[in-house]
Structure formats: C-alpha cells, structure tokens
C-alpha cells in the first residue's frame, strides 16, 4: 500500500528515527513503510495519522487492484 509518510516526514524535517520514536516502532519499520514493503497495522496507521495531523485515508493510498 502506498503512503505519504516520507513526503510528510521530509516536509516537517523529521528524521526516520524521530518518527520511529514518536510512533514506538523501529527505524527499520519506518524505512519499510516508506518503501512500501510493509503495510501498517490499524493502530500504527492511526498513530501516524495523528502524528501528521491528517486522516488515515489521506496518509495511506488504497489501490483497488491490491489483494484484499
């Protein structure tokens, strides 16, 4: 699933480690999220949306052709 995490993180001048600390995950998790190799749990998606002051729907881009 695509997302806007890297874009928003860079816009706010937050490092991957700072974001990881704020979301209580590892930097590797942030890297995997940004590269689309990991889909966030609902809890993590909610925390990330709150951190960036946006909604889950605006932060994560649902693609119709993905397997459900």
N, C-alpha and C. Protein backbone atom coordinates (compact mmCIF):
# COMPACT_ATOMS: atom_id res chain seq x y z
N UNK A 1 0.84 -1.17 0.00
CA UNK A 1 0.00 0.00 0.00
C UNK A 1 0.89 1.24 0.00
N UNK A 2 0.60 2.14 -0.88
CA UNK A 2 1.38 3.38 -0.96
C UNK A 2 0.94 4.33 0.15
N UNK A 3 1.85 5.22 0.51
CA UNK A 3 1.53 6.18 1.55
C UNK A 3 2.33 7.46 1.35
N UNK A 4 1.99 8.47 2.13
CA UNK A 4 2.64 9.77 2.05
C UNK A 4 3.56 10.03 3.24
N UNK A 5 3.97 8.98 3.92
CA UNK A 5 4.77 9.13 5.13
C UNK A 5 6.09 9.84 4.85
N UNK A 6 6.83 9.39 3.85
CA UNK A 6 8.12 10.01 3.57
C UNK A 6 7.95 11.47 3.17
N UNK A 7 6.97 11.75 2.35
CA UNK A 7 6.71 13.11 1.90
C UNK A 7 6.41 14.03 3.09
N UNK A 8 5.52 13.61 3.97
CA UNK A 8 5.16 14.42 5.13
C UNK A 8 6.30 14.51 6.13
N UNK A 9 7.04 13.42 6.29
CA UNK A 9 8.18 13.42 7.21
C UNK A 9 9.23 14.44 6.77
N UNK A 10 9.54 14.44 5.49
CA UNK A 10 10.53 15.38 4.97
C UNK A 10 10.03 16.82 5.03
N UNK A 11 8.75 17.01 4.76
CA UNK A 11 8.15 18.34 4.83
C UNK A 11 8.28 18.92 6.23
N UNK A 12 8.14 18.07 7.22
CA UNK A 12 8.23 18.51 8.62
C UNK A 12 9.65 18.45 9.18
N UNK A 13 10.60 18.01 8.34
CA UNK A 13 12.01 17.91 8.72
C UNK A 13 12.20 17.01 9.95
N UNK A 14 11.56 15.86 9.87
CA UNK A 14 11.65 14.84 10.92
C UNK A 14 12.48 13.70 10.37
N UNK A 15 13.42 13.20 11.15
CA UNK A 15 14.22 12.06 10.70
C UNK A 15 13.41 10.78 10.85
N UNK A 16 13.88 9.74 10.18
CA UNK A 16 13.22 8.44 10.32
C UNK A 16 13.26 7.97 11.76
N UNK A 17 14.37 8.21 12.44
CA UNK A 17 14.49 7.79 13.84
C UNK A 17 13.54 8.57 14.74
N UNK A 18 13.41 9.87 14.51
CA UNK A 18 12.49 10.68 15.30
C UNK A 18 11.04 10.21 15.12
N UNK A 19 10.68 9.90 13.88
CA UNK A 19 9.34 9.40 13.62
C UNK A 19 9.15 8.03 14.27
N UNK A 20 10.14 7.18 14.15
CA UNK A 20 10.07 5.85 14.77
C UNK A 20 9.87 5.98 16.27
N UNK A 21 10.62 6.86 16.90
CA UNK A 21 10.48 7.06 18.34
C UNK A 21 9.08 7.55 18.70
N UNK A 22 8.56 8.49 17.92
CA UNK A 22 7.23 9.05 18.18
C UNK A 22 6.13 8.00 18.03
N UNK A 23 6.34 7.03 17.13
CA UNK A 23 5.34 6.01 16.86
C UNK A 23 5.61 4.70 17.61
N UNK A 24 6.69 4.69 18.39
CA UNK A 24 7.08 3.50 19.17
C UNK A 24 7.34 2.28 18.29
N UNK A 25 8.06 2.51 17.19
CA UNK A 25 8.49 1.43 16.30
C UNK A 25 9.97 1.62 16.01
N UNK A 26 10.55 0.70 15.25
CA UNK A 26 11.96 0.83 14.90
C UNK A 26 12.11 1.68 13.63
N UNK A 27 13.31 2.16 13.43
CA UNK A 27 13.61 2.91 12.21
C UNK A 27 13.42 2.01 10.99
N UNK A 28 13.72 0.73 11.14
CA UNK A 28 13.55 -0.22 10.04
C UNK A 28 12.08 -0.31 9.62
N UNK A 29 11.17 -0.20 10.57
CA UNK A 29 9.74 -0.21 10.25
C UNK A 29 9.38 1.01 9.42
N UNK A 30 9.92 2.16 9.79
CA UNK A 30 9.65 3.39 9.02
C UNK A 30 10.20 3.25 7.61
N UNK A 31 11.41 2.73 7.49
CA UNK A 31 12.01 2.52 6.17
C UNK A 31 11.13 1.60 5.33
N UNK A 32 10.67 0.51 5.92
CA UNK A 32 9.81 -0.44 5.20
C UNK A 32 8.48 0.18 4.81
N UNK A 33 7.91 0.99 5.67
CA UNK A 33 6.66 1.69 5.34
C UNK A 33 6.88 2.63 4.17
N UNK A 34 7.93 3.43 4.25
CA UNK A 34 8.20 4.41 3.19
C UNK A 34 8.47 3.75 1.85
N UNK A 35 9.06 2.57 1.87
CA UNK A 35 9.37 1.86 0.63
C UNK A 35 8.25 0.94 0.16
N UNK A 36 7.14 0.91 0.90
CA UNK A 36 6.00 0.09 0.51
C UNK A 36 6.18 -1.39 0.72
N UNK A 37 7.15 -1.78 1.55
CA UNK A 37 7.40 -3.20 1.81
C UNK A 37 6.62 -3.71 3.02
N UNK A 38 5.98 -2.80 3.73
CA UNK A 38 5.26 -3.15 4.95
C UNK A 38 3.97 -2.37 5.01
N UNK A 39 2.87 -3.03 5.30
CA UNK A 39 1.59 -2.36 5.48
C UNK A 39 1.37 -2.17 6.98
N UNK A 40 1.06 -0.95 7.34
CA UNK A 40 0.88 -0.62 8.75
C UNK A 40 -0.37 -1.28 9.31
N UNK A 41 -0.29 -1.66 10.57
CA UNK A 41 -1.49 -2.12 11.28
C UNK A 41 -2.42 -0.93 11.45
N UNK A 42 -3.64 -1.19 11.79
CA UNK A 42 -4.59 -0.10 12.01
C UNK A 42 -4.12 0.81 13.14
N UNK A 43 -3.56 0.23 14.18
CA UNK A 43 -3.05 1.01 15.31
C UNK A 43 -1.91 1.92 14.87
N UNK A 44 -0.97 1.38 14.11
CA UNK A 44 0.16 2.18 13.64
C UNK A 44 -0.30 3.25 12.66
N UNK A 45 -1.22 2.91 11.78
CA UNK A 45 -1.76 3.88 10.83
C UNK A 45 -2.43 5.04 11.58
N UNK A 46 -3.17 4.72 12.62
CA UNK A 46 -3.84 5.74 13.43
C UNK A 46 -2.82 6.65 14.12
N UNK A 47 -1.78 6.05 14.71
CA UNK A 47 -0.73 6.83 15.36
C UNK A 47 -0.03 7.75 14.37
N UNK A 48 0.27 7.24 13.18
CA UNK A 48 0.95 8.04 12.16
C UNK A 48 0.06 9.19 11.69
N UNK A 49 -1.20 8.91 11.48
CA UNK A 49 -2.13 9.96 11.05
C UNK A 49 -2.23 11.05 12.12
N UNK A 50 -2.29 10.66 13.38
CA UNK A 50 -2.34 11.65 14.46
C UNK A 50 -1.05 12.46 14.49
N UNK A 51 0.08 11.80 14.32
CA UNK A 51 1.37 12.49 14.35
C UNK A 51 1.42 13.58 13.28
N UNK A 52 0.94 13.25 12.09
CA UNK A 52 0.99 14.20 10.99
C UNK A 52 -0.23 15.12 10.92
N UNK A 53 -1.18 14.93 11.82
CA UNK A 53 -2.36 15.78 11.84
C UNK A 53 -3.24 15.61 10.61
N UNK A 54 -3.40 14.38 10.19
CA UNK A 54 -4.18 14.07 9.00
C UNK A 54 -5.04 12.85 9.28
N UNK A 55 -5.74 12.39 8.28
CA UNK A 55 -6.55 11.18 8.43
C UNK A 55 -5.80 9.99 7.85
N UNK A 56 -6.23 8.81 8.25
CA UNK A 56 -5.63 7.59 7.70
C UNK A 56 -5.83 7.55 6.19
N UNK A 57 -7.02 7.96 5.74
CA UNK A 57 -7.34 7.93 4.30
C UNK A 57 -6.45 8.87 3.50
N UNK A 58 -6.06 9.98 4.10
CA UNK A 58 -5.17 10.91 3.39
C UNK A 58 -3.72 10.46 3.44
N UNK A 59 -3.35 9.73 4.47
CA UNK A 59 -1.97 9.30 4.64
C UNK A 59 -1.65 8.04 3.83
N UNK A 60 -2.61 7.12 3.76
CA UNK A 60 -2.41 5.86 3.05
C UNK A 60 -3.28 5.84 1.80
N UNK A 61 -2.70 5.40 0.70
CA UNK A 61 -3.37 5.41 -0.59
C UNK A 61 -3.80 3.98 -0.92
N UNK A 62 -5.10 3.77 -0.91
CA UNK A 62 -5.64 2.45 -1.23
C UNK A 62 -5.69 2.30 -2.74
N UNK A 63 -5.16 1.19 -3.23
CA UNK A 63 -5.18 0.90 -4.66
C UNK A 63 -6.15 -0.25 -4.89
N UNK A 64 -7.10 -0.06 -5.77
CA UNK A 64 -8.16 -1.04 -6.00
C UNK A 64 -7.65 -2.40 -6.43
N UNK A 65 -6.51 -2.45 -7.08
CA UNK A 65 -6.04 -3.72 -7.62
C UNK A 65 -5.24 -4.55 -6.63
N UNK A 66 -5.09 -4.11 -5.40
CA UNK A 66 -4.36 -4.89 -4.40
C UNK A 66 -5.22 -6.05 -3.93
N UNK A 67 -4.57 -7.11 -3.52
CA UNK A 67 -5.30 -8.26 -2.98
C UNK A 67 -5.88 -7.88 -1.63
N UNK A 68 -7.11 -8.27 -1.40
CA UNK A 68 -7.77 -7.94 -0.12
C UNK A 68 -7.67 -9.10 0.83
